[in-house]
Amino acid sequence: MPSTNIQYTTHNLKNWNRVANDLRRLAADVPAWADPVMYRWAQRMRATLKSTKYPPMRPMQKYVRTGRFANSWGVDKVRSGWYVVRNSATFRGVPYARYVTGDGMGRGQAWMHVGRWWKSKDVMEKHTPELVRDLTKVYTDIDR
């Protein structure tokens, strides 16, 4: 991950709790085969989070939406088989993504966003079965 002073809202994929324990151990032991699978899934999650619709504007809302939040999703490679999906959106140098869609654990949303905005953790968990399926398929193909 780049060394900067920016605080990221991140989703650490290293030990994703929805992936079966044996697949996690296997991915840790053999990251070479798991790396492309993890990378593709992380990139799909970035695209999914970027395209997830904003909630409707509140009545009398004065803030003009710029798209900065949606365009700030990215993926960083920590090492082989370990990627971080993050949102680096800032306003006047202050990171704000966790206040909008929560942190990697689903916490930290500001009161005005709770119940209106989706949580990035929930979006990613919804797609975790795809990661399990893809890891299983690649492992099964290797095992043959």
Foldseek 3Di string as FASTA:
>chain_A
DDDDPFDKQKAKPLCPPVADPVLSVVCVVCLVLLQVLLVVLLVVLLVVQLPPDAFDDDPPDDDDDDSLQSVQWDWDDPDRNIIMTIGRRDDPRHGDNCCQQHGNVRDNHNPVRVPRGHHSNVVSVVCVVVSNVVSVVSVVVVVD
